[in-house]
Amino acid sequence: MKTIVIYNSRTGFTERYAKWIAEAAGADCMALSEAKKRDLSTYEAIVFGGWVCAGGISKLSWFKGNLDRWAGRKLIVFCVGASPMDSPDIAPALRRAFADSEWAKVKAFYCPGGLNYEKMSLSSRLMMKMFRKTLEAKKDKTEDQREMLRIISASYDISDRKYIQPILDCLKN
């Protein structure tokens, strides 16, 4: 099956996952900026990856805007975020990303990435700093809030090739 993996990455985690998926699936791989210039009609499977920010998936509107054009193809979305795989927020966020009618056309997956403050834009670093300060100021923090504060205090990487397996399985079936 001729497959392409298209990604939008800001700090490198989504790009890393896209390249791992493409390598394992024998697929073409390119950044969204390049894919927008290409004719994708020869691909039987289109995999799109975007990073998670504030519960949304970056550039997902581009992908969703092409759903009708890509009818009959295997369509997969993966998103990469800073939360660990077992976060209870992941499933509801994925569910909200698509309308009921779109779920019949798309399979969606989450891959944990991390935070890389050195590669973040200034506005993203400031947003994270404000979030951190808000958490620090809370007097009666819950265990989850203390853990979140610990996690976001520095850059970290929890990405792992094992998280692409469900995506590869979906491509095969």
C-alpha atoms as a PDB file:
ATOM      1  CA  MET A   1       0.000   0.000   0.000  1.00  0.00           C
ATOM      2  CA  LYS A   2       1.511   3.301  -1.085  1.00  0.00           C
ATOM      3  CA  THR A   3       1.630   5.427   2.052  1.00  0.00           C
ATOM      4  CA  ILE A   4       2.681   8.939   2.960  1.00  0.00           C
ATOM      5  CA  VAL A   5       3.327  10.315   6.428  1.00  0.00           C
ATOM      6  CA  ILE A   6       2.824  14.067   6.705  1.00  0.00           C
ATOM      7  CA  TYR A   7       3.765  15.952   9.840  1.00  0.00           C
ATOM      8  CA  ASN A   8       3.656  19.343  11.476  1.00  0.00           C
ATOM      9  CA  SER A   9       6.278  19.634  14.206  1.00  0.00           C
ATOM     10  CA  ARG A  10       7.444  22.525  16.310  1.00  0.00           C
ATOM     11  CA  THR A  11      10.058  21.092  18.671  1.00  0.00           C
ATOM     12  CA  GLY A  12      10.912  17.824  16.890  1.00  0.00           C
ATOM     13  CA  PHE A  13       8.870  15.167  18.673  1.00  0.00           C
ATOM     14  CA  THR A  14       6.196  14.857  15.959  1.00  0.00           C
ATOM     15  CA  GLU A  15       8.835  14.829  13.224  1.00  0.00           C
ATOM     16  CA  ARG A  16      10.669  12.027  15.039  1.00  0.00           C
ATOM     17  CA  TYR A  17       7.501   9.914  15.257  1.00  0.00           C
ATOM     18  CA  ALA A  18       6.641  10.628  11.608  1.00  0.00           C
ATOM     19  CA  LYS A  19      10.061   9.428  10.483  1.00  0.00           C
ATOM     20  CA  TRP A  20       9.842   6.306  12.661  1.00  0.00           C
ATOM     21  CA  ILE A  21       6.419   5.471  11.188  1.00  0.00           C
ATOM     22  CA  ALA A  22       7.574   6.113   7.622  1.00  0.00           C
ATOM     23  CA  GLU A  23      10.694   4.011   8.098  1.00  0.00           C
ATOM     24  CA  ALA A  24       8.787   1.086   9.626  1.00  0.00           C
ATOM     25  CA  ALA A  25       5.990   1.246   7.023  1.00  0.00           C
ATOM     26  CA  GLY A  26       8.200   1.877   4.004  1.00  0.00           C
ATOM     27  CA  ALA A  27       6.310   5.133   3.445  1.00  0.00           C
ATOM     28  CA  ASP A  28       7.181   8.523   2.055  1.00  0.00           C
ATOM     29  CA  CYS A  29       7.541  11.218   4.700  1.00  0.00           C
ATOM     30  CA  MET A  30       7.393  14.991   4.487  1.00  0.00           C
ATOM     31  CA  ALA A  31       6.609  18.128   6.409  1.00  0.00           C
ATOM     32  CA  LEU A  32       3.150  19.606   5.934  1.00  0.00           C
ATOM     33  CA  SER A  33       4.592  22.688   4.231  1.00  0.00           C
ATOM     34  CA  GLU A  34       5.980  20.430   1.488  1.00  0.00           C
ATOM     35  CA  ALA A  35       2.944  18.121   1.319  1.00  0.00           C
ATOM     36  CA  LYS A  36       0.647  21.084   0.630  1.00  0.00           C
ATOM     37  CA  LYS A  37       2.494  21.558  -2.683  1.00  0.00           C
ATOM     38  CA  ARG A  38       2.179  17.910  -3.762  1.00  0.00           C
ATOM     39  CA  ASP A  39      -0.420  15.820  -5.517  1.00  0.00           C
ATOM     40  CA  LEU A  40      -1.361  13.164  -2.957  1.00  0.00           C
ATOM     41  CA  SER A  41      -3.830  11.338  -5.213  1.00  0.00           C
ATOM     42  CA  THR A  42      -1.489   8.369  -5.777  1.00  0.00           C
ATOM     43  CA  TYR A  43      -1.375   7.455  -2.086  1.00  0.00           C
ATOM     44  CA  GLU A  44      -3.625   4.712  -0.745  1.00  0.00           C
ATOM     45  CA  ALA A  45      -2.929   5.648   2.888  1.00  0.00           C
ATOM     46  CA  ILE A  46      -2.351   9.094   4.347  1.00  0.00           C
ATOM     47  CA  VAL A  47      -0.986   9.443   7.871  1.00  0.00           C
ATOM     48  CA  PHE A  48      -0.981  12.904   9.416  1.00  0.00           C
ATOM     49  CA  GLY A  49       0.834  13.885  12.598  1.00  0.00           C
ATOM     50  CA  GLY A  50       0.480  17.088  14.557  1.00  0.00           C
ATOM     51  CA  TRP A  51       1.483  18.284  18.002  1.00  0.00           C
ATOM     52  CA  VAL A  52      -0.953  18.856  20.819  1.00  0.00           C
ATOM     53  CA  CYS A  53      -1.450  22.288  22.304  1.00  0.00           C
ATOM     54  CA  ALA A  54      -4.223  23.240  24.701  1.00  0.00           C
ATOM     55  CA  GLY A  55      -6.165  20.086  23.867  1.00  0.00           C
ATOM     56  CA  GLY A  56      -6.135  20.594  20.094  1.00  0.00           C
ATOM     57  CA  ILE A  57      -4.018  19.125  17.283  1.00  0.00           C
ATOM     58  CA  SER A  58      -1.955  21.573  15.246  1.00  0.00           C
ATOM     59  CA  LYS A  59      -2.977  21.923  11.593  1.00  0.00           C
ATOM     60  CA  LEU A  60      -5.694  19.300  11.925  1.00  0.00           C
ATOM     61  CA  SER A  61      -8.027  21.635  10.031  1.00  0.00           C
ATOM     62  CA  TRP A  62      -5.883  21.104   6.895  1.00  0.00           C
ATOM     63  CA  PHE A  63      -6.248  17.338   7.204  1.00  0.00           C
ATOM     64  CA  LYS A  64      -9.984  17.507   7.923  1.00  0.00           C
ATOM     65  CA  GLY A  65     -10.465  19.867   4.996  1.00  0.00           C
ATOM     66  CA  ASN A  66      -9.269  17.090   2.683  1.00  0.00           C
ATOM     67  CA  LEU A  67     -11.351  14.201   4.076  1.00  0.00           C
ATOM     68  CA  ASP A  68     -13.877  14.222   1.222  1.00  0.00           C
ATOM     69  CA  ARG A  69     -11.132  14.469  -1.407  1.00  0.00           C
ATOM     70  CA  TRP A  70      -9.402  11.450   0.143  1.00  0.00           C
ATOM     71  CA  ALA A  71     -12.521   9.259   0.343  1.00  0.00           C
ATOM     72  CA  GLY A  72     -11.713   5.565  -0.030  1.00  0.00           C
ATOM     73  CA  ARG A  73      -8.198   5.902   1.346  1.00  0.00           C
ATOM     74  CA  LYS A  74      -6.932   4.740   4.706  1.00  0.00           C
ATOM     75  CA  LEU A  75      -6.684   7.894   6.844  1.00  0.00           C
ATOM     76  CA  ILE A  76      -4.793   8.005  10.113  1.00  0.00           C
ATOM     77  CA  VAL A  77      -4.024  10.887  12.462  1.00  0.00           C
ATOM     78  CA  PHE A  78      -1.505  10.770  15.269  1.00  0.00           C
ATOM     79  CA  CYS A  79      -0.819  13.533  17.700  1.00  0.00           C
ATOM     80  CA  VAL A  80       2.161  14.023  19.953  1.00  0.00           C
ATOM     81  CA  GLY A  81       1.973  15.710  23.317  1.00  0.00           C
ATOM     82  CA  ALA A  82       3.739  16.186  26.605  1.00  0.00           C
ATOM     83  CA  SER A  83       1.411  13.936  28.607  1.00  0.00           C
ATOM     84  CA  PRO A  84       2.299  10.346  29.415  1.00  0.00           C
ATOM     85  CA  MET A  85       0.383   7.620  27.585  1.00  0.00           C
ATOM     86  CA  ASP A  86      -1.817   6.819  30.585  1.00  0.00           C
ATOM     87  CA  SER A  87      -3.139  10.374  31.004  1.00  0.00           C
ATOM     88  CA  PRO A  88      -6.939  10.372  31.378  1.00  0.00           C
ATOM     89  CA  ASP A  89      -7.136  13.548  29.268  1.00  0.00           C
ATOM     90  CA  ILE A  90      -6.009  11.874  26.032  1.00  0.00           C
ATOM     91  CA  ALA A  91      -9.101   9.899  25.016  1.00  0.00           C
ATOM     92  CA  PRO A  92     -11.550  12.808  25.512  1.00  0.00           C
ATOM     93  CA  ALA A  93      -9.232  15.184  23.611  1.00  0.00           C
ATOM     94  CA  LEU A  94      -8.976  12.770  20.680  1.00  0.00           C
ATOM     95  CA  ARG A  95     -12.735  12.299  20.712  1.00  0.00           C
ATOM     96  CA  ARG A  96     -13.311  16.067  20.530  1.00  0.00           C
ATOM     97  CA  ALA A  97     -10.938  16.412  17.576  1.00  0.00           C
ATOM     98  CA  PHE A  98     -13.418  14.875  15.135  1.00  0.00           C
ATOM     99  CA  ALA A  99     -17.135  15.127  14.496  1.00  0.00           C
ATOM    100  CA  ASP A 100     -19.151  11.913  14.693  1.00  0.00           C
ATOM    101  CA  SER A 101     -19.333  11.726  10.889  1.00  0.00           C
ATOM    102  CA  GLU A 102     -15.530  12.002  10.624  1.00  0.00           C
ATOM    103  CA  TRP A 103     -14.833   9.081  12.970  1.00  0.00           C
ATOM    104  CA  ALA A 104     -16.037   6.651  10.291  1.00  0.00           C
ATOM    105  CA  LYS A 105     -13.284   7.927   7.980  1.00  0.00           C
ATOM    106  CA  VAL A 106     -10.312   8.349  10.339  1.00  0.00           C
ATOM    107  CA  LYS A 107      -8.369   6.399  12.957  1.00  0.00           C
ATOM    108  CA  ALA A 108      -6.621   8.538  15.589  1.00  0.00           C
ATOM    109  CA  PHE A 109      -3.710   7.792  17.918  1.00  0.00           C
ATOM    110  CA  TYR A 110      -1.680   9.516  20.607  1.00  0.00           C
ATOM    111  CA  CYS A 111       2.107   9.302  21.059  1.00  0.00           C
ATOM    112  CA  PRO A 112       3.821  10.803  24.127  1.00  0.00           C
ATOM    113  CA  GLY A 113       6.667  13.138  23.271  1.00  0.00           C
ATOM    114  CA  GLY A 114       7.797  15.605  25.886  1.00  0.00           C
ATOM    115  CA  LEU A 115       8.797  19.214  26.270  1.00  0.00           C
ATOM    116  CA  ASN A 116      11.792  20.891  24.724  1.00  0.00           C
ATOM    117  CA  TYR A 117      11.982  24.415  26.106  1.00  0.00           C
ATOM    118  CA  GLU A 118      15.079  25.181  24.030  1.00  0.00           C
ATOM    119  CA  LYS A 119      13.153  24.676  20.760  1.00  0.00           C
ATOM    120  CA  MET A 120       9.890  26.303  21.867  1.00  0.00           C
ATOM    121  CA  SER A 121       8.870  29.691  20.590  1.00  0.00           C
ATOM    122  CA  LEU A 122       9.089  32.570  23.016  1.00  0.00           C
ATOM    123  CA  SER A 123       5.294  32.743  23.291  1.00  0.00           C
ATOM    124  CA  SER A 124       5.083  29.010  24.111  1.00  0.00           C
ATOM    125  CA  ARG A 125       7.806  29.319  26.744  1.00  0.00           C
ATOM    126  CA  LEU A 126       5.981  32.270  28.298  1.00  0.00           C
ATOM    127  CA  MET A 127       2.692  30.357  28.283  1.00  0.00           C
ATOM    128  CA  MET A 128       4.346  27.393  30.012  1.00  0.00           C
ATOM    129  CA  LYS A 129       5.987  29.731  32.536  1.00  0.00           C
ATOM    130  CA  MET A 130       2.622  31.301  33.363  1.00  0.00           C
ATOM    131  CA  PHE A 131       1.050  27.848  33.726  1.00  0.00           C
ATOM    132  CA  ARG A 132       3.907  26.777  36.023  1.00  0.00           C
ATOM    133  CA  LYS A 133       3.542  29.938  38.138  1.00  0.00           C
ATOM    134  CA  THR A 134      -0.215  29.347  38.432  1.00  0.00           C
ATOM    135  CA  LEU A 135       0.388  25.802  39.667  1.00  0.00           C
ATOM    136  CA  GLU A 136       3.117  26.934  42.065  1.00  0.00           C
ATOM    137  CA  ALA A 137       0.777  29.546  43.568  1.00  0.00           C
ATOM    138  CA  LYS A 138      -1.945  27.029  44.421  1.00  0.00           C
ATOM    139  CA  LYS A 139      -1.999  26.429  48.147  1.00  0.00           C
ATOM    140  CA  ASP A 140      -3.670  23.008  48.367  1.00  0.00           C
ATOM    141  CA  LYS A 141      -2.284  21.222  45.328  1.00  0.00           C
ATOM    142  CA  THR A 142      -3.651  17.815  44.436  1.00  0.00           C
ATOM    143  CA  GLU A 143      -1.227  14.968  43.810  1.00  0.00           C
ATOM    144  CA  ASP A 144      -1.870  15.356  40.048  1.00  0.00           C
ATOM    145  CA  GLN A 145      -1.043  19.065  40.220  1.00  0.00           C
ATOM    146  CA  ARG A 146       2.185  18.394  42.130  1.00  0.00           C
ATOM    147  CA  GLU A 147       3.154  15.788  39.540  1.00  0.00           C
ATOM    148  CA  MET A 148       2.321  18.160  36.675  1.00  0.00           C
ATOM    149  CA  LEU A 149       4.437  20.868  38.286  1.00  0.00           C
ATOM    150  CA  ARG A 150       7.347  18.444  38.622  1.00  0.00           C
ATOM    151  CA  ILE A 151       7.035  17.302  35.007  1.00  0.00           C
ATOM    152  CA  ILE A 152       6.844  20.732  33.377  1.00  0.00           C
ATOM    153  CA  SER A 153       9.693  22.247  35.361  1.00  0.00           C
ATOM    154  CA  ALA A 154      12.303  21.226  32.777  1.00  0.00           C
ATOM    155  CA  SER A 155      12.635  19.769  29.287  1.00  0.00           C
ATOM    156  CA  TYR A 156      12.073  16.024  29.033  1.00  0.00           C
ATOM    157  CA  ASP A 157      11.661  13.317  26.397  1.00  0.00           C
ATOM    158  CA  ILE A 158       9.361  10.317  26.855  1.00  0.00           C
ATOM    159  CA  SER A 159       9.078   9.420  23.168  1.00  0.00           C
ATOM    160  CA  ASP A 160       9.600   5.769  22.271  1.00  0.00           C
ATOM    161  CA  ARG A 161       9.299   3.733  19.068  1.00  0.00           C
ATOM    162  CA  LYS A 162       6.964   1.314  20.826  1.00  0.00           C
ATOM    163  CA  TYR A 163       4.166   3.870  20.622  1.00  0.00           C
ATOM    164  CA  ILE A 164       4.006   3.645  16.815  1.00  0.00           C
ATOM    165  CA  GLN A 165       2.998  -0.032  16.840  1.00  0.00           C
ATOM    166  CA  PRO A 166      -0.782   0.584  16.936  1.00  0.00           C
ATOM    167  CA  ILE A 167      -0.394   2.940  13.953  1.00  0.00           C
ATOM    168  CA  LEU A 168       1.598   0.330  12.020  1.00  0.00           C
ATOM    169  CA  ASP A 169      -1.005  -2.321  12.892  1.00  0.00           C
ATOM    170  CA  CYS A 170      -3.748  -0.038  11.588  1.00  0.00           C
ATOM    171  CA  LEU A 171      -1.868   0.460   8.324  1.00  0.00           C
ATOM    172  CA  LYS A 172      -1.539  -3.319   7.863  1.00  0.00           C
ATOM    173  CA  ASN A 173      -5.220  -4.102   8.509  1.00  0.00           C
END
